[in-house]
Amino acid sequence: VTGNATVAQAVTIDGATNSGTNTYNINDTAALIAASNNTLLATAGTVTANTNATATQATTIAAFAKAVVYSISDTAANIVAATAGARNEAVNITATGTTTTWNMHLGSTGCKGDPTKGVVTACTNPNRMDFSFAAFNASTQKIVLDLAELFKYSDLSHEGGGAAGCMSGTSDPECPGIFQALQINLANGLPINGGAAQTVFSVKSK
């Protein structure tokens, strides 16, 4: 078969009584792939969903023995409720609508190597702050993290896509506001002007 076959076309092709082999790839909606079965999908070379799967559909698809290429688009609550396999096997995950979960994780991205095995890890985006105070007395003063300043450019009631909240991804729509507050360049993960304009951390009396 040249080109791709839909699930329905694959059923017809596979039902043929020809003496040779049937070779085809399946490309269809996530809903129709989820409604398919292991036996049919196993006969395909590759299986790709050309629409986003809901969290429920992703859970079904991830349970198939055949690997399926798919992405998820659903509410944050539904995505969190899906199986770990459904999330881990997805290419992209987009949380839509309002959310009650808004995570913030500042970490390096674009990394290579496994630090748990003692392998040197190189990261394209270090995502580390750089700032200083004119003076600090550890005996009488403390460093304070101001959450209002950290989230002042963010709408914590809305999730625009990607992981819930900001997990340091350069394409995550929730990260520009966080990185602006932290004075880190989201594109390369480097501090902006030494963090001179950041107001998230400050010195207060004990």
N, C-alpha and C. Protein backbone atom coordinates (compact mmCIF):
# COMPACT_ATOMS: atom_id res chain seq x y z
N VAL A 1 0.85 -1.18 0.00
CA VAL A 1 0.00 0.00 0.00
C VAL A 1 0.88 1.23 0.00
N THR A 2 0.66 2.15 -0.93
CA THR A 2 1.40 3.40 -0.95
C THR A 2 0.64 4.42 -0.11
N GLY A 3 1.38 5.29 0.58
CA GLY A 3 0.72 6.26 1.43
C GLY A 3 0.27 5.62 2.73
N ASN A 4 -0.62 6.30 3.44
CA ASN A 4 -1.12 5.81 4.71
C ASN A 4 -2.54 5.27 4.57
N ALA A 5 -2.90 4.40 5.48
CA ALA A 5 -4.25 3.85 5.51
C ALA A 5 -4.95 4.31 6.79
N THR A 6 -6.25 4.54 6.70
CA THR A 6 -7.03 4.83 7.89
C THR A 6 -7.29 3.51 8.60
N VAL A 7 -7.85 3.56 9.78
CA VAL A 7 -8.19 2.34 10.50
C VAL A 7 -9.17 1.51 9.69
N ALA A 8 -10.20 2.16 9.13
CA ALA A 8 -11.20 1.44 8.34
C ALA A 8 -10.57 0.80 7.12
N GLN A 9 -9.69 1.52 6.44
CA GLN A 9 -9.03 0.97 5.27
C GLN A 9 -8.13 -0.21 5.65
N ALA A 10 -7.49 -0.09 6.81
CA ALA A 10 -6.61 -1.17 7.27
C ALA A 10 -7.42 -2.44 7.54
N VAL A 11 -8.64 -2.27 8.07
CA VAL A 11 -9.51 -3.43 8.33
C VAL A 11 -9.82 -4.14 7.01
N THR A 12 -10.12 -3.35 5.98
CA THR A 12 -10.43 -3.93 4.67
C THR A 12 -9.22 -4.62 4.06
N ILE A 13 -8.07 -3.93 4.13
CA ILE A 13 -6.85 -4.49 3.57
C ILE A 13 -6.47 -5.79 4.28
N ASP A 14 -6.56 -5.77 5.59
CA ASP A 14 -6.16 -6.94 6.37
C ASP A 14 -7.13 -8.11 6.19
N GLY A 15 -8.34 -7.78 5.75
CA GLY A 15 -9.33 -8.83 5.54
C GLY A 15 -9.22 -9.52 4.20
N ALA A 16 -8.31 -9.03 3.36
CA ALA A 16 -8.12 -9.63 2.04
C ALA A 16 -7.52 -11.03 2.16
N THR A 17 -7.84 -11.90 1.23
CA THR A 17 -7.36 -13.29 1.26
C THR A 17 -6.20 -13.52 0.30
N ASN A 18 -5.48 -12.45 0.00
CA ASN A 18 -4.34 -12.57 -0.89
C ASN A 18 -3.27 -13.48 -0.28
N SER A 19 -2.44 -14.05 -1.14
CA SER A 19 -1.45 -15.02 -0.67
C SER A 19 -0.18 -14.37 -0.12
N GLY A 20 0.04 -13.08 -0.45
CA GLY A 20 1.25 -12.40 0.01
C GLY A 20 1.04 -11.66 1.32
N THR A 21 1.92 -10.72 1.58
CA THR A 21 1.83 -9.94 2.82
C THR A 21 1.20 -8.58 2.54
N ASN A 22 0.65 -7.98 3.57
CA ASN A 22 0.07 -6.64 3.48
C ASN A 22 0.98 -5.68 4.23
N THR A 23 1.42 -4.63 3.56
CA THR A 23 2.32 -3.66 4.18
C THR A 23 1.71 -2.27 4.11
N TYR A 24 1.50 -1.67 5.26
CA TYR A 24 0.89 -0.33 5.29
C TYR A 24 1.15 0.32 6.64
N ASN A 25 1.03 1.65 6.67
CA ASN A 25 1.07 2.44 7.90
C ASN A 25 -0.32 2.98 8.17
N ILE A 26 -0.67 3.11 9.42
CA ILE A 26 -1.98 3.66 9.78
C ILE A 26 -1.82 5.10 10.23
N ASN A 27 -2.64 5.97 9.68
CA ASN A 27 -2.69 7.37 10.07
C ASN A 27 -4.16 7.76 10.16
N ASP A 28 -4.63 8.02 11.38
CA ASP A 28 -6.06 8.29 11.56
C ASP A 28 -6.25 9.12 12.82
N THR A 29 -7.49 9.45 13.13
CA THR A 29 -7.77 10.25 14.32
C THR A 29 -7.46 9.45 15.58
N ALA A 30 -7.18 10.16 16.66
CA ALA A 30 -6.90 9.50 17.93
C ALA A 30 -8.11 8.70 18.40
N ALA A 31 -9.31 9.22 18.13
CA ALA A 31 -10.53 8.53 18.56
C ALA A 31 -10.67 7.18 17.87
N LEU A 32 -10.43 7.14 16.55
CA LEU A 32 -10.57 5.89 15.81
C LEU A 32 -9.46 4.90 16.14
N ILE A 33 -8.27 5.41 16.41
CA ILE A 33 -7.17 4.52 16.80
C ILE A 33 -7.46 3.92 18.18
N ALA A 34 -7.96 4.75 19.09
CA ALA A 34 -8.30 4.26 20.43
C ALA A 34 -9.40 3.21 20.37
N ALA A 35 -10.30 3.34 19.38
CA ALA A 35 -11.41 2.38 19.24
C ALA A 35 -10.99 1.12 18.49
N SER A 36 -9.74 1.09 18.04
CA SER A 36 -9.23 -0.07 17.31
C SER A 36 -8.82 -1.17 18.29
N ASN A 37 -7.93 -2.04 17.87
CA ASN A 37 -7.53 -3.15 18.74
C ASN A 37 -6.09 -3.56 18.45
N ASN A 38 -5.52 -4.31 19.38
CA ASN A 38 -4.13 -4.75 19.27
C ASN A 38 -3.86 -5.55 18.01
N THR A 39 -4.80 -6.42 17.66
CA THR A 39 -4.60 -7.30 16.51
C THR A 39 -4.42 -6.51 15.23
N LEU A 40 -5.28 -5.51 15.00
CA LEU A 40 -5.18 -4.72 13.78
C LEU A 40 -3.94 -3.84 13.80
N LEU A 41 -3.69 -3.14 14.90
CA LEU A 41 -2.55 -2.22 14.95
C LEU A 41 -1.22 -2.95 14.80
N ALA A 42 -1.16 -4.19 15.24
CA ALA A 42 0.08 -4.96 15.15
C ALA A 42 0.48 -5.24 13.71
N THR A 43 -0.49 -5.19 12.78
CA THR A 43 -0.19 -5.49 11.38
C THR A 43 0.40 -4.28 10.64
N ALA A 44 0.32 -3.11 11.25
CA ALA A 44 0.80 -1.89 10.59
C ALA A 44 2.28 -1.67 10.85
N GLY A 45 2.91 -0.96 9.93
CA GLY A 45 4.32 -0.60 10.13
C GLY A 45 4.44 0.44 11.23
N THR A 46 3.79 1.59 11.01
CA THR A 46 3.73 2.64 12.03
C THR A 46 2.28 3.04 12.22
N VAL A 47 1.98 3.56 13.39
CA VAL A 47 0.62 4.03 13.69
C VAL A 47 0.73 5.44 14.25
N THR A 48 0.05 6.37 13.59
CA THR A 48 0.14 7.78 13.99
C THR A 48 -1.25 8.39 14.11
N ALA A 49 -1.49 9.08 15.20
CA ALA A 49 -2.75 9.81 15.38
C ALA A 49 -2.59 11.21 14.80
N ASN A 50 -3.49 11.59 13.88
CA ASN A 50 -3.38 12.91 13.25
C ASN A 50 -4.22 13.97 13.93
N THR A 51 -4.82 13.63 15.06
CA THR A 51 -5.51 14.60 15.91
C THR A 51 -5.04 14.37 17.34
N ASN A 52 -5.20 15.37 18.19
CA ASN A 52 -4.83 15.20 19.59
C ASN A 52 -5.76 14.22 20.28
N ALA A 53 -5.23 13.45 21.18
CA ALA A 53 -6.03 12.51 21.95
C ALA A 53 -6.49 13.16 23.25
N THR A 54 -7.67 12.79 23.70
CA THR A 54 -8.08 13.19 25.04
C THR A 54 -7.28 12.34 26.03
N ALA A 55 -7.34 12.67 27.31
CA ALA A 55 -6.62 11.89 28.31
C ALA A 55 -7.13 10.46 28.34
N THR A 56 -8.44 10.28 28.19
CA THR A 56 -9.03 8.94 28.20
C THR A 56 -8.55 8.14 27.00
N GLN A 57 -8.58 8.77 25.81
CA GLN A 57 -8.10 8.09 24.60
C GLN A 57 -6.62 7.74 24.72
N ALA A 58 -5.84 8.65 25.30
CA ALA A 58 -4.40 8.41 25.46
C ALA A 58 -4.14 7.21 26.36
N THR A 59 -4.95 7.07 27.41
CA THR A 59 -4.79 5.92 28.31
C THR A 59 -5.03 4.61 27.55
N THR A 60 -6.04 4.61 26.69
CA THR A 60 -6.34 3.42 25.87
C THR A 60 -5.22 3.15 24.88
N ILE A 61 -4.78 4.19 24.20
CA ILE A 61 -3.74 4.05 23.17
C ILE A 61 -2.43 3.56 23.79
N ALA A 62 -2.07 4.12 24.95
CA ALA A 62 -0.81 3.75 25.59
C ALA A 62 -0.81 2.28 26.03
N ALA A 63 -2.00 1.73 26.24
CA ALA A 63 -2.10 0.33 26.68
C ALA A 63 -1.93 -0.67 25.53
N PHE A 64 -1.99 -0.19 24.28
CA PHE A 64 -1.79 -1.08 23.14
C PHE A 64 -0.35 -1.59 23.13
N ALA A 65 -0.16 -2.81 22.66
CA ALA A 65 1.19 -3.35 22.52
C ALA A 65 1.95 -2.61 21.43
N LYS A 66 1.23 -2.15 20.40
CA LYS A 66 1.85 -1.43 19.29
C LYS A 66 2.13 0.01 19.70
N ALA A 67 3.32 0.49 19.41
CA ALA A 67 3.66 1.88 19.69
C ALA A 67 2.87 2.80 18.78
N VAL A 68 2.28 3.84 19.33
CA VAL A 68 1.48 4.80 18.57
C VAL A 68 2.03 6.20 18.81
N VAL A 69 2.17 6.97 17.76
CA VAL A 69 2.61 8.36 17.88
C VAL A 69 1.38 9.23 18.09
N TYR A 70 1.32 9.91 19.23
CA TYR A 70 0.15 10.75 19.52
C TYR A 70 0.52 11.87 20.49
N SER A 71 -0.32 12.88 20.53
CA SER A 71 -0.20 13.96 21.50
C SER A 71 -1.51 14.07 22.26
N ILE A 72 -1.47 14.72 23.41
CA ILE A 72 -2.65 14.85 24.26
C ILE A 72 -3.05 16.32 24.38
N SER A 73 -4.36 16.57 24.32
CA SER A 73 -4.91 17.89 24.62
C SER A 73 -6.17 17.69 25.44
N ASP A 74 -6.15 18.16 26.67
CA ASP A 74 -7.29 17.98 27.57
C ASP A 74 -7.12 18.93 28.74
N THR A 75 -8.07 18.92 29.66
CA THR A 75 -7.94 19.76 30.84
C THR A 75 -6.82 19.23 31.71
N ALA A 76 -6.25 20.10 32.53
CA ALA A 76 -5.16 19.69 33.41
C ALA A 76 -5.62 18.57 34.34
N ALA A 77 -6.85 18.68 34.86
CA ALA A 77 -7.36 17.67 35.77
C ALA A 77 -7.45 16.30 35.10
N ASN A 78 -7.91 16.27 33.85
CA ASN A 78 -8.02 15.00 33.12
C ASN A 78 -6.65 14.42 32.81
N ILE A 79 -5.71 15.28 32.46
CA ILE A 79 -4.36 14.82 32.14
C ILE A 79 -3.69 14.22 33.38
N VAL A 80 -3.86 14.89 34.50
CA VAL A 80 -3.28 14.38 35.75
C VAL A 80 -3.91 13.04 36.13
N ALA A 81 -5.20 12.87 35.82
CA ALA A 81 -5.91 11.63 36.16
C ALA A 81 -5.59 10.48 35.21
N ALA A 82 -5.00 10.77 34.06
CA ALA A 82 -4.64 9.72 33.10
C ALA A 82 -3.50 8.88 33.66
N THR A 83 -3.26 7.73 33.05
CA THR A 83 -2.17 6.87 33.52
C THR A 83 -0.83 7.51 33.21
N ALA A 84 0.18 7.10 33.96
CA ALA A 84 1.53 7.62 33.72
C ALA A 84 1.99 7.24 32.32
N GLY A 85 1.60 6.04 31.87
CA GLY A 85 1.97 5.61 30.53
C GLY A 85 1.39 6.50 29.46
N ALA A 86 0.15 6.94 29.65
CA ALA A 86 -0.50 7.82 28.68
C ALA A 86 0.28 9.12 28.54
N ARG A 87 0.75 9.66 29.64
CA ARG A 87 1.50 10.92 29.60
C ARG A 87 2.92 10.70 29.08
N ASN A 88 3.57 9.65 29.55
CA ASN A 88 4.97 9.41 29.19
C ASN A 88 5.16 9.07 27.71
N GLU A 89 4.18 8.42 27.10
CA GLU A 89 4.32 8.01 25.70
C GLU A 89 3.87 9.08 24.72
N ALA A 90 3.26 10.15 25.22
CA ALA A 90 2.79 11.22 24.34
C ALA A 90 3.96 12.06 23.84
N VAL A 91 3.81 12.62 22.64
CA VAL A 91 4.82 13.52 22.10
C VAL A 91 4.68 14.88 22.77
N ASN A 92 3.50 15.48 22.66
CA ASN A 92 3.20 16.77 23.28
C ASN A 92 2.00 16.62 24.19
N ILE A 93 1.99 17.38 25.28
CA ILE A 93 0.86 17.40 26.20
C ILE A 93 0.41 18.85 26.36
N THR A 94 -0.85 19.11 26.05
CA THR A 94 -1.39 20.45 26.16
C THR A 94 -2.56 20.46 27.13
N ALA A 95 -2.41 21.21 28.22
CA ALA A 95 -3.50 21.36 29.19
C ALA A 95 -4.31 22.59 28.81
N THR A 96 -5.62 22.46 28.73
CA THR A 96 -6.48 23.56 28.28
C THR A 96 -7.37 24.05 29.41
N GLY A 97 -7.88 25.27 29.24
CA GLY A 97 -8.85 25.81 30.18
C GLY A 97 -8.22 26.22 31.51
N THR A 98 -9.07 26.43 32.51
CA THR A 98 -8.60 26.81 33.83
C THR A 98 -8.01 25.60 34.54
N THR A 99 -7.19 25.85 35.53
CA THR A 99 -6.54 24.75 36.23
C THR A 99 -6.46 25.02 37.72
N THR A 100 -6.47 23.97 38.51
CA THR A 100 -6.27 24.10 39.96
C THR A 100 -4.87 23.65 40.33
N THR A 101 -4.11 23.23 39.34
CA THR A 101 -2.72 22.82 39.55
C THR A 101 -1.80 23.71 38.73
N TRP A 102 -0.88 24.38 39.38
CA TRP A 102 0.04 25.29 38.68
C TRP A 102 1.41 25.11 39.31
N ASN A 103 2.25 24.34 38.62
CA ASN A 103 3.58 24.04 39.16
C ASN A 103 4.62 25.03 38.65
N MET A 104 5.64 25.24 39.46
CA MET A 104 6.76 26.06 39.01
C MET A 104 8.05 25.32 39.36
N HIS A 105 8.81 24.97 38.33
CA HIS A 105 10.08 24.26 38.54
C HIS A 105 11.15 24.95 37.72
N LEU A 106 12.19 25.41 38.39
CA LEU A 106 13.31 26.05 37.72
C LEU A 106 14.45 25.03 37.63
N GLY A 107 14.75 24.62 36.42
CA GLY A 107 15.80 23.63 36.23
C GLY A 107 16.43 23.77 34.86
N SER A 108 17.62 23.23 34.70
CA SER A 108 18.32 23.30 33.42
C SER A 108 17.59 22.44 32.38
N THR A 109 17.65 22.86 31.13
CA THR A 109 17.01 22.11 30.04
C THR A 109 18.00 21.90 28.90
N GLY A 110 17.62 21.03 27.97
CA GLY A 110 18.50 20.71 26.86
C GLY A 110 19.76 19.99 27.33
N CYS A 111 19.59 19.11 28.34
CA CYS A 111 20.75 18.46 28.96
C CYS A 111 21.07 17.11 28.31
N LYS A 112 22.33 16.75 28.35
CA LYS A 112 22.81 15.46 27.85
C LYS A 112 23.62 14.78 28.94
N GLY A 113 23.53 13.46 29.00
CA GLY A 113 24.25 12.72 30.03
C GLY A 113 23.33 12.34 31.17
N ASP A 114 23.79 11.47 32.04
CA ASP A 114 23.00 10.99 33.18
C ASP A 114 23.76 11.29 34.47
N PRO A 115 23.39 12.37 35.17
CA PRO A 115 24.12 12.74 36.39
C PRO A 115 24.01 11.70 37.49
N THR A 116 22.96 10.86 37.45
CA THR A 116 22.79 9.82 38.48
C THR A 116 23.85 8.73 38.34
N LYS A 117 24.49 8.67 37.17
CA LYS A 117 25.53 7.67 36.92
C LYS A 117 26.93 8.30 36.90
N GLY A 118 27.02 9.55 37.34
CA GLY A 118 28.30 10.21 37.38
C GLY A 118 28.78 10.71 36.04
N VAL A 119 27.87 10.76 35.06
CA VAL A 119 28.23 11.24 33.73
C VAL A 119 28.13 12.76 33.70
N VAL A 120 29.14 13.41 33.15
CA VAL A 120 29.12 14.87 33.04
C VAL A 120 27.95 15.29 32.18
N THR A 121 27.14 16.21 32.68
CA THR A 121 25.96 16.64 31.95
C THR A 121 26.16 18.05 31.41
N ALA A 122 25.91 18.20 30.13
CA ALA A 122 25.97 19.52 29.51
C ALA A 122 24.56 19.96 29.17
N CYS A 123 24.21 21.21 29.49
CA CYS A 123 22.86 21.71 29.26
C CYS A 123 22.93 22.98 28.42
N THR A 124 22.07 23.07 27.41
CA THR A 124 22.07 24.26 26.56
C THR A 124 21.52 25.47 27.31
N ASN A 125 20.58 25.24 28.23
CA ASN A 125 19.96 26.32 29.01
C ASN A 125 20.15 26.05 30.51
N PRO A 126 21.12 26.69 31.15
CA PRO A 126 21.35 26.44 32.58
C PRO A 126 20.21 26.92 33.48
N ASN A 127 19.54 28.01 33.07
CA ASN A 127 18.38 28.54 33.82
C ASN A 127 18.71 28.79 35.29
N ARG A 128 19.76 29.54 35.52
CA ARG A 128 20.17 29.89 36.88
C ARG A 128 20.17 31.40 37.07
N MET A 129 19.65 31.81 38.23
CA MET A 129 19.61 33.24 38.55
C MET A 129 21.00 33.74 38.92
N ASP A 130 21.16 35.04 38.81
CA ASP A 130 22.40 35.70 39.24
C ASP A 130 22.00 37.05 39.81
N PHE A 131 22.20 37.24 41.12
CA PHE A 131 21.87 38.52 41.71
C PHE A 131 22.71 38.72 42.97
N SER A 132 22.78 39.93 43.45
CA SER A 132 23.57 40.23 44.64
C SER A 132 22.89 41.35 45.43
N PHE A 133 23.28 41.48 46.68
CA PHE A 133 22.76 42.53 47.55
C PHE A 133 23.91 43.45 47.95
N ALA A 134 23.58 44.71 48.16
CA ALA A 134 24.62 45.68 48.53
C ALA A 134 25.26 45.31 49.86
N ALA A 135 24.44 44.74 50.76
CA ALA A 135 24.97 44.34 52.06
C ALA A 135 24.05 43.27 52.64
N PHE A 136 24.66 42.40 53.47
CA PHE A 136 23.86 41.36 54.13
C PHE A 136 24.55 40.92 55.41
N ASN A 137 23.81 40.98 56.52
CA ASN A 137 24.30 40.55 57.82
C ASN A 137 23.51 39.33 58.25
N ALA A 138 24.14 38.19 58.22
CA ALA A 138 23.44 36.94 58.54
C ALA A 138 22.91 36.89 59.96
N SER A 139 23.48 37.69 60.85
CA SER A 139 23.05 37.69 62.25
C SER A 139 21.73 38.45 62.45
N THR A 140 21.55 39.50 61.68
CA THR A 140 20.38 40.35 61.88
C THR A 140 19.40 40.38 60.70
N GLN A 141 19.82 39.80 59.58
CA GLN A 141 18.98 39.86 58.38
C GLN A 141 18.72 38.46 57.81
N LYS A 142 17.72 38.39 56.94
CA LYS A 142 17.39 37.14 56.26
C LYS A 142 17.04 37.45 54.81
N ILE A 143 17.18 36.44 53.95
CA ILE A 143 16.81 36.58 52.54
C ILE A 143 15.39 36.04 52.38
N VAL A 144 14.53 36.84 51.79
CA VAL A 144 13.11 36.51 51.68
C VAL A 144 12.72 36.28 50.23
N LEU A 145 11.97 35.20 50.00
CA LEU A 145 11.39 34.92 48.68
C LEU A 145 9.99 35.48 48.66
N ASP A 146 9.72 36.43 47.78
CA ASP A 146 8.40 37.07 47.66
C ASP A 146 7.61 36.38 46.55
N LEU A 147 6.64 35.54 46.92
CA LEU A 147 5.85 34.81 45.93
C LEU A 147 5.01 35.75 45.07
N ALA A 148 4.56 36.85 45.63
CA ALA A 148 3.78 37.81 44.85
C ALA A 148 4.62 38.37 43.72
N GLU A 149 5.90 38.62 43.97
CA GLU A 149 6.80 39.12 42.93
C GLU A 149 7.11 38.02 41.91
N LEU A 150 7.26 36.78 42.39
CA LEU A 150 7.57 35.67 41.49
C LEU A 150 6.45 35.44 40.48
N PHE A 151 5.20 35.58 40.94
CA PHE A 151 4.06 35.27 40.07
C PHE A 151 3.33 36.51 39.56
N LYS A 152 3.92 37.68 39.68
CA LYS A 152 3.20 38.90 39.33
C LYS A 152 2.90 39.02 37.83
N TYR A 153 3.64 38.31 36.98
CA TYR A 153 3.36 38.33 35.54
C TYR A 153 2.59 37.09 35.09
N SER A 154 2.15 36.26 36.03
CA SER A 154 1.51 34.99 35.71
C SER A 154 0.04 34.96 36.13
N ASP A 155 -0.78 34.26 35.36
CA ASP A 155 -2.18 34.03 35.69
C ASP A 155 -2.29 32.60 36.21
N LEU A 156 -2.35 32.44 37.52
CA LEU A 156 -2.33 31.11 38.12
C LEU A 156 -3.65 30.37 37.97
N SER A 157 -4.66 31.04 37.42
CA SER A 157 -5.95 30.38 37.22
C SER A 157 -6.08 29.80 35.81
N HIS A 158 -5.06 30.06 34.98
CA HIS A 158 -5.15 29.65 33.57
C HIS A 158 -3.96 28.81 33.17
N GLU A 159 -4.21 27.80 32.35
CA GLU A 159 -3.16 26.97 31.79
C GLU A 159 -3.26 27.02 30.28
N GLY A 160 -2.23 27.56 29.63
CA GLY A 160 -2.28 27.77 28.19
C GLY A 160 -1.73 26.64 27.36
N GLY A 161 -1.12 25.65 27.98
CA GLY A 161 -0.57 24.52 27.23
C GLY A 161 0.72 24.02 27.82
N GLY A 162 1.12 22.84 27.39
CA GLY A 162 2.32 22.22 27.94
C GLY A 162 2.06 21.69 29.34
N ALA A 163 3.12 21.55 30.12
CA ALA A 163 2.96 21.07 31.50
C ALA A 163 2.20 22.11 32.31
N ALA A 164 1.49 21.65 33.35
CA ALA A 164 0.73 22.58 34.20
C ALA A 164 1.68 23.55 34.89
N GLY A 165 1.52 24.84 34.62
CA GLY A 165 2.43 25.83 35.16
C GLY A 165 3.67 25.95 34.31
N CYS A 166 4.78 26.34 34.92
CA CYS A 166 6.05 26.50 34.20
C CYS A 166 7.06 25.48 34.71
N MET A 167 7.53 24.63 33.80
CA MET A 167 8.55 23.63 34.14
C MET A 167 9.86 23.94 33.41
N SER A 168 10.06 25.22 33.11
CA SER A 168 11.30 25.73 32.49
C SER A 168 11.43 25.46 31.00
N GLY A 169 10.36 25.01 30.35
CA GLY A 169 10.40 24.78 28.91
C GLY A 169 10.38 26.07 28.13
N THR A 170 11.21 26.19 27.10
CA THR A 170 11.28 27.42 26.34
C THR A 170 10.00 27.71 25.55
N SER A 171 9.21 26.67 25.25
CA SER A 171 7.98 26.86 24.49
C SER A 171 6.73 26.86 25.37
N ASP A 172 6.91 26.74 26.67
CA ASP A 172 5.77 26.72 27.60
C ASP A 172 5.22 28.13 27.74
N PRO A 173 3.93 28.36 27.42
CA PRO A 173 3.38 29.71 27.47
C PRO A 173 3.33 30.32 28.87
N GLU A 174 3.50 29.48 29.92
CA GLU A 174 3.49 30.02 31.28
C GLU A 174 4.89 30.44 31.75
N CYS A 175 5.93 30.13 31.00
CA CYS A 175 7.28 30.41 31.48
C CYS A 175 7.79 31.84 31.24
N PRO A 176 7.37 32.54 30.18
CA PRO A 176 7.90 33.90 30.01
C PRO A 176 7.71 34.80 31.22
N GLY A 177 6.54 34.75 31.85
CA GLY A 177 6.29 35.59 33.02
C GLY A 177 7.18 35.23 34.19
N ILE A 178 7.36 33.94 34.43
CA ILE A 178 8.21 33.48 35.53
C ILE A 178 9.66 33.89 35.29
N PHE A 179 10.14 33.68 34.08
CA PHE A 179 11.52 34.01 33.77
C PHE A 179 11.75 35.52 33.78
N GLN A 180 10.72 36.29 33.42
CA GLN A 180 10.84 37.74 33.51
C GLN A 180 11.02 38.17 34.96
N ALA A 181 10.23 37.56 35.84
CA ALA A 181 10.34 37.90 37.26
C ALA A 181 11.71 37.50 37.82
N LEU A 182 12.23 36.36 37.37
CA LEU A 182 13.52 35.88 37.86
C LEU A 182 14.69 36.54 37.14
N GLN A 183 14.38 37.31 36.09
CA GLN A 183 15.41 37.98 35.27
C GLN A 183 16.39 36.97 34.68
N ILE A 184 15.80 35.94 34.04
CA ILE A 184 16.56 34.95 33.28
C ILE A 184 16.04 34.97 31.85
N ASN A 185 16.94 34.97 30.90
CA ASN A 185 16.56 34.94 29.49
C ASN A 185 16.02 33.55 29.16
N LEU A 186 14.74 33.46 28.83
CA LEU A 186 14.12 32.16 28.57
C LEU A 186 14.73 31.47 27.35
N ALA A 187 15.20 32.23 26.38
CA ALA A 187 15.74 31.65 25.15
C ALA A 187 17.04 30.90 25.37
N ASN A 188 17.91 31.43 26.26
CA ASN A 188 19.22 30.78 26.45
C ASN A 188 19.52 30.39 27.90
N GLY A 189 18.63 30.74 28.81
CA GLY A 189 18.80 30.34 30.20
C GLY A 189 19.86 31.11 30.97
N LEU A 190 20.28 32.27 30.45
CA LEU A 190 21.32 33.06 31.11
C LEU A 190 20.71 34.25 31.85
N PRO A 191 21.35 34.70 32.93
CA PRO A 191 20.83 35.84 33.70
C PRO A 191 20.79 37.11 32.85
N ILE A 192 19.83 37.97 33.12
CA ILE A 192 19.71 39.24 32.42
C ILE A 192 20.35 40.33 33.27
N ASN A 193 21.42 40.92 32.75
CA ASN A 193 22.10 42.02 33.42
C ASN A 193 22.43 41.69 34.87
N GLY A 194 22.89 40.46 35.09
CA GLY A 194 23.29 40.07 36.43
C GLY A 194 22.15 40.02 37.43
N GLY A 195 20.91 39.97 36.92
CA GLY A 195 19.76 39.91 37.82
C GLY A 195 19.50 41.21 38.55
N ALA A 196 20.03 42.30 38.04
CA ALA A 196 19.93 43.58 38.74
C ALA A 196 18.49 44.03 38.97
N ALA A 197 17.58 43.67 38.05
CA ALA A 197 16.20 44.15 38.14
C ALA A 197 15.27 43.19 38.87
N GLN A 198 15.79 42.05 39.35
CA GLN A 198 14.91 41.09 40.00
C GLN A 198 14.44 41.61 41.36
N THR A 199 13.19 41.31 41.69
CA THR A 199 12.62 41.74 42.99
C THR A 199 12.02 40.54 43.74
N VAL A 200 12.33 39.34 43.26
CA VAL A 200 11.78 38.13 43.90
C VAL A 200 12.46 37.87 45.23
N PHE A 201 13.78 38.08 45.29
CA PHE A 201 14.53 37.89 46.52
C PHE A 201 14.96 39.25 47.07
N SER A 202 14.83 39.41 48.37
CA SER A 202 15.22 40.67 49.00
C SER A 202 15.74 40.40 50.42
N VAL A 203 16.37 41.39 50.99
CA VAL A 203 16.93 41.29 52.34
C VAL A 203 15.98 41.98 53.32
N LYS A 204 15.60 41.26 54.38
CA LYS A 204 14.72 41.80 55.40
C LYS A 204 15.34 41.58 56.77
N SER A 205 14.90 42.37 57.74
CA SER A 205 15.36 42.17 59.11
C SER A 205 14.72 40.93 59.71
N LYS A 206 15.44 40.24 60.58
CA LYS A 206 14.89 39.05 61.23
C LYS A 206 13.83 39.45 62.27
